[in-house]
Each structure stands twice: as C-alpha cells, then as structure tokens.
N, C-alpha and C. Protein backbone atom coordinates (compact mmCIF):
# COMPACT_ATOMS: atom_id res chain seq x y z
N MET A 1 -5.35 1.72 -14.23
CA MET A 1 -5.67 2.09 -12.86
C MET A 1 -5.88 3.60 -12.82
N ALA A 2 -6.87 4.04 -12.09
CA ALA A 2 -7.14 5.46 -11.95
C ALA A 2 -6.01 6.11 -11.15
N SER A 3 -5.79 7.39 -11.46
CA SER A 3 -4.73 8.08 -10.73
C SER A 3 -5.18 8.32 -9.29
N ARG A 4 -4.22 8.49 -8.43
CA ARG A 4 -4.48 8.69 -7.01
C ARG A 4 -4.15 10.13 -6.67
N LYS A 5 -4.92 10.74 -5.83
CA LYS A 5 -4.69 12.11 -5.40
C LYS A 5 -3.88 12.09 -4.11
N SER A 6 -2.84 12.87 -4.06
CA SER A 6 -2.04 12.94 -2.84
C SER A 6 -2.19 14.34 -2.24
N PHE A 7 -2.09 14.39 -0.91
CA PHE A 7 -2.16 15.66 -0.20
C PHE A 7 -1.51 15.51 1.16
N LEU A 8 -1.16 16.62 1.74
CA LEU A 8 -0.53 16.63 3.05
C LEU A 8 -1.60 16.53 4.13
N LEU A 9 -1.37 15.69 5.11
CA LEU A 9 -2.29 15.54 6.23
C LEU A 9 -1.50 15.75 7.52
N ARG A 10 -1.92 16.69 8.31
CA ARG A 10 -1.26 16.95 9.58
C ARG A 10 -2.06 16.26 10.68
N LEU A 11 -1.39 15.47 11.49
CA LEU A 11 -2.03 14.74 12.58
C LEU A 11 -1.26 14.95 13.87
N ASP A 12 -1.97 14.90 14.96
CA ASP A 12 -1.33 14.86 16.27
C ASP A 12 -0.45 13.61 16.30
N PRO A 13 0.77 13.70 16.78
CA PRO A 13 1.66 12.54 16.78
C PRO A 13 1.08 11.31 17.49
N THR A 14 0.33 11.51 18.56
CA THR A 14 -0.23 10.35 19.26
C THR A 14 -1.35 9.70 18.44
N VAL A 15 -2.10 10.51 17.68
CA VAL A 15 -3.13 9.96 16.79
C VAL A 15 -2.45 9.17 15.68
N HIS A 16 -1.38 9.72 15.13
CA HIS A 16 -0.65 9.01 14.07
C HIS A 16 -0.10 7.68 14.59
N ASP A 17 0.48 7.70 15.78
CA ASP A 17 1.02 6.47 16.36
C ASP A 17 -0.07 5.42 16.55
N ALA A 18 -1.24 5.85 17.03
CA ALA A 18 -2.35 4.92 17.23
C ALA A 18 -2.81 4.34 15.88
N LEU A 19 -2.90 5.19 14.86
CA LEU A 19 -3.28 4.72 13.52
C LEU A 19 -2.25 3.74 12.97
N ALA A 20 -0.98 4.04 13.17
CA ALA A 20 0.08 3.16 12.67
C ALA A 20 0.03 1.80 13.36
N ARG A 21 -0.22 1.79 14.66
CA ARG A 21 -0.35 0.50 15.37
C ARG A 21 -1.55 -0.28 14.86
N TRP A 22 -2.69 0.40 14.69
CA TRP A 22 -3.90 -0.24 14.19
C TRP A 22 -3.68 -0.79 12.78
N ALA A 23 -3.03 0.00 11.95
CA ALA A 23 -2.73 -0.45 10.59
C ALA A 23 -1.85 -1.69 10.62
N GLY A 24 -0.84 -1.70 11.46
CA GLY A 24 0.03 -2.85 11.58
C GLY A 24 -0.72 -4.09 12.04
N ASP A 25 -1.65 -3.92 12.95
CA ASP A 25 -2.47 -5.04 13.42
C ASP A 25 -3.30 -5.64 12.30
N GLU A 26 -3.69 -4.82 11.33
CA GLU A 26 -4.53 -5.28 10.22
C GLU A 26 -3.73 -5.49 8.94
N LEU A 27 -2.40 -5.48 9.07
CA LEU A 27 -1.49 -5.70 7.93
C LEU A 27 -1.73 -4.72 6.80
N ARG A 28 -1.94 -3.46 7.15
CA ARG A 28 -2.09 -2.38 6.18
C ARG A 28 -1.02 -1.33 6.45
N SER A 29 -0.77 -0.51 5.43
CA SER A 29 0.06 0.67 5.66
C SER A 29 -0.80 1.70 6.40
N THR A 30 -0.16 2.67 7.00
CA THR A 30 -0.91 3.73 7.67
C THR A 30 -1.78 4.46 6.67
N ASN A 31 -1.24 4.72 5.48
CA ASN A 31 -2.01 5.40 4.44
C ASN A 31 -3.25 4.59 4.05
N ALA A 32 -3.09 3.30 3.84
CA ALA A 32 -4.22 2.45 3.48
C ALA A 32 -5.25 2.39 4.61
N GLN A 33 -4.79 2.41 5.85
CA GLN A 33 -5.71 2.39 6.99
C GLN A 33 -6.53 3.67 7.03
N ILE A 34 -5.90 4.81 6.78
CA ILE A 34 -6.62 6.08 6.77
C ILE A 34 -7.66 6.08 5.66
N GLU A 35 -7.29 5.61 4.47
CA GLU A 35 -8.26 5.55 3.37
C GLU A 35 -9.40 4.60 3.71
N PHE A 36 -9.10 3.46 4.30
CA PHE A 36 -10.13 2.49 4.70
C PHE A 36 -11.12 3.15 5.66
N LEU A 37 -10.60 3.85 6.66
CA LEU A 37 -11.47 4.48 7.65
C LEU A 37 -12.29 5.61 7.06
N LEU A 38 -11.69 6.39 6.17
CA LEU A 38 -12.44 7.47 5.52
C LEU A 38 -13.55 6.93 4.64
N ARG A 39 -13.25 5.87 3.89
CA ARG A 39 -14.29 5.27 3.04
C ARG A 39 -15.42 4.69 3.89
N ARG A 40 -15.07 4.05 4.99
CA ARG A 40 -16.09 3.48 5.86
C ARG A 40 -16.97 4.58 6.46
N ALA A 41 -16.35 5.68 6.87
CA ALA A 41 -17.12 6.80 7.44
C ALA A 41 -18.03 7.42 6.37
N LEU A 42 -17.51 7.58 5.16
CA LEU A 42 -18.34 8.13 4.08
C LEU A 42 -19.52 7.21 3.77
N GLU A 43 -19.26 5.91 3.73
CA GLU A 43 -20.33 4.95 3.45
C GLU A 43 -21.37 4.97 4.56
N ASP A 44 -20.94 4.97 5.82
CA ASP A 44 -21.86 4.99 6.95
C ASP A 44 -22.73 6.26 6.95
N ALA A 45 -22.17 7.37 6.47
CA ALA A 45 -22.90 8.64 6.44
C ALA A 45 -23.72 8.78 5.16
N GLY A 46 -23.66 7.79 4.29
CA GLY A 46 -24.39 7.87 3.02
C GLY A 46 -23.79 8.89 2.07
N ARG A 47 -22.50 9.15 2.19
CA ARG A 47 -21.85 10.17 1.37
C ARG A 47 -20.77 9.63 0.43
N LEU A 48 -20.60 8.31 0.38
CA LEU A 48 -19.62 7.74 -0.53
C LEU A 48 -20.21 7.78 -1.94
N PRO A 49 -19.57 8.49 -2.86
CA PRO A 49 -20.12 8.56 -4.23
C PRO A 49 -20.22 7.18 -4.86
N SER A 50 -21.29 6.97 -5.61
CA SER A 50 -21.49 5.66 -6.23
C SER A 50 -20.43 5.35 -7.28
N ASN A 51 -19.81 6.39 -7.82
CA ASN A 51 -18.78 6.16 -8.84
C ASN A 51 -17.37 6.11 -8.25
N ALA A 52 -17.26 6.06 -6.92
CA ALA A 52 -15.94 5.94 -6.29
C ALA A 52 -15.37 4.56 -6.61
N GLY A 53 -14.15 4.54 -7.06
CA GLY A 53 -13.51 3.26 -7.37
C GLY A 53 -13.30 2.46 -6.11
N ALA A 54 -13.10 1.17 -6.30
CA ALA A 54 -12.82 0.30 -5.16
C ALA A 54 -11.46 0.65 -4.58
N GLN A 55 -11.30 0.44 -3.30
CA GLN A 55 -10.01 0.68 -2.68
C GLN A 55 -9.02 -0.34 -3.24
N PRO A 56 -7.85 0.12 -3.69
CA PRO A 56 -6.89 -0.81 -4.27
C PRO A 56 -6.49 -1.88 -3.27
N ARG A 57 -6.33 -3.10 -3.77
CA ARG A 57 -5.85 -4.18 -2.92
C ARG A 57 -4.36 -4.01 -2.74
N ARG A 58 -3.90 -4.27 -1.56
CA ARG A 58 -2.48 -4.12 -1.23
C ARG A 58 -1.85 -5.49 -1.11
N GLY A 59 -0.54 -5.53 -1.22
CA GLY A 59 0.19 -6.77 -1.02
C GLY A 59 0.36 -7.56 -2.30
N ARG A 60 0.78 -8.78 -2.14
CA ARG A 60 1.03 -9.65 -3.29
C ARG A 60 -0.26 -10.11 -3.93
N PRO A 61 -0.26 -10.20 -5.26
CA PRO A 61 -1.45 -10.75 -5.91
C PRO A 61 -1.60 -12.23 -5.57
N ALA A 62 -2.83 -12.69 -5.54
CA ALA A 62 -3.10 -14.10 -5.25
C ALA A 62 -2.60 -14.96 -6.40
N LYS A 63 -2.15 -16.16 -6.08
CA LYS A 63 -1.68 -17.11 -7.09
C LYS A 63 -2.86 -18.02 -7.44
N HIS A 64 -3.44 -17.81 -8.62
CA HIS A 64 -4.62 -18.58 -9.01
C HIS A 64 -4.28 -19.78 -9.88
N ASP A 65 -3.27 -19.65 -10.73
CA ASP A 65 -3.02 -20.70 -11.70
C ASP A 65 -1.87 -21.63 -11.31
N GLU A 66 -1.30 -21.44 -10.16
CA GLU A 66 -0.19 -22.27 -9.74
C GLU A 66 -0.71 -23.53 -9.07
N GLN A 67 -0.20 -24.67 -9.51
CA GLN A 67 -0.61 -25.97 -8.95
C GLN A 67 0.17 -26.24 -7.67
N PRO A 68 -0.47 -26.86 -6.67
CA PRO A 68 0.27 -27.21 -5.44
C PRO A 68 1.35 -28.23 -5.76
N ARG A 69 2.48 -28.07 -5.09
CA ARG A 69 3.59 -29.00 -5.29
C ARG A 69 3.39 -30.24 -4.46
N GLU A 70 3.80 -31.38 -5.05
CA GLU A 70 3.76 -32.62 -4.30
C GLU A 70 5.08 -32.79 -3.61
N HIS A 71 5.05 -33.23 -2.38
CA HIS A 71 6.27 -33.49 -1.62
C HIS A 71 6.59 -34.97 -1.72
N GLY A 72 7.57 -35.28 -2.54
CA GLY A 72 7.95 -36.70 -2.70
C GLY A 72 9.20 -37.02 -1.91
N GLY A 73 9.44 -38.28 -1.70
CA GLY A 73 10.57 -38.67 -0.88
C GLY A 73 11.63 -39.37 -1.60
C-alpha cells in the first residue's frame, strides 16, 4: 500500500461538525469524507492526476470465499 501523507487542517468548528454528520450519514470517517470530497472536486475540475491511487476502501473486507450457512432444525 502506498504511504499516506498527513497534515494539519484547521476548520471552523461548525464546518467540522457538518462534515462529521455528513460522514456519519455515509458511514465514513470524517477524514475519509474530506478525502472523498477533495478527490471529487479535483476530478470535476479536471485536476485529479491520472496516477493518483484509488481511495482506500474502509471497513471490513468483503467475505468472498465463505459459504452461506444452512439453518437446520
């Protein structure tokens, strides 16, 4: 996995609260929501570099090889 760059971001508290609520509605962390919005804005403006990696998927990995359990009585 490529390394991630971290930096300090100062936000108005009400903007942060709104972002946190929006992130919660979409089951993302606030940090992931900010990255999602920045990537979308860059793409819309035609400024997202073609070599930018995909945004990391968050949460539990999908279970692909697990068979469904039968419920017997």
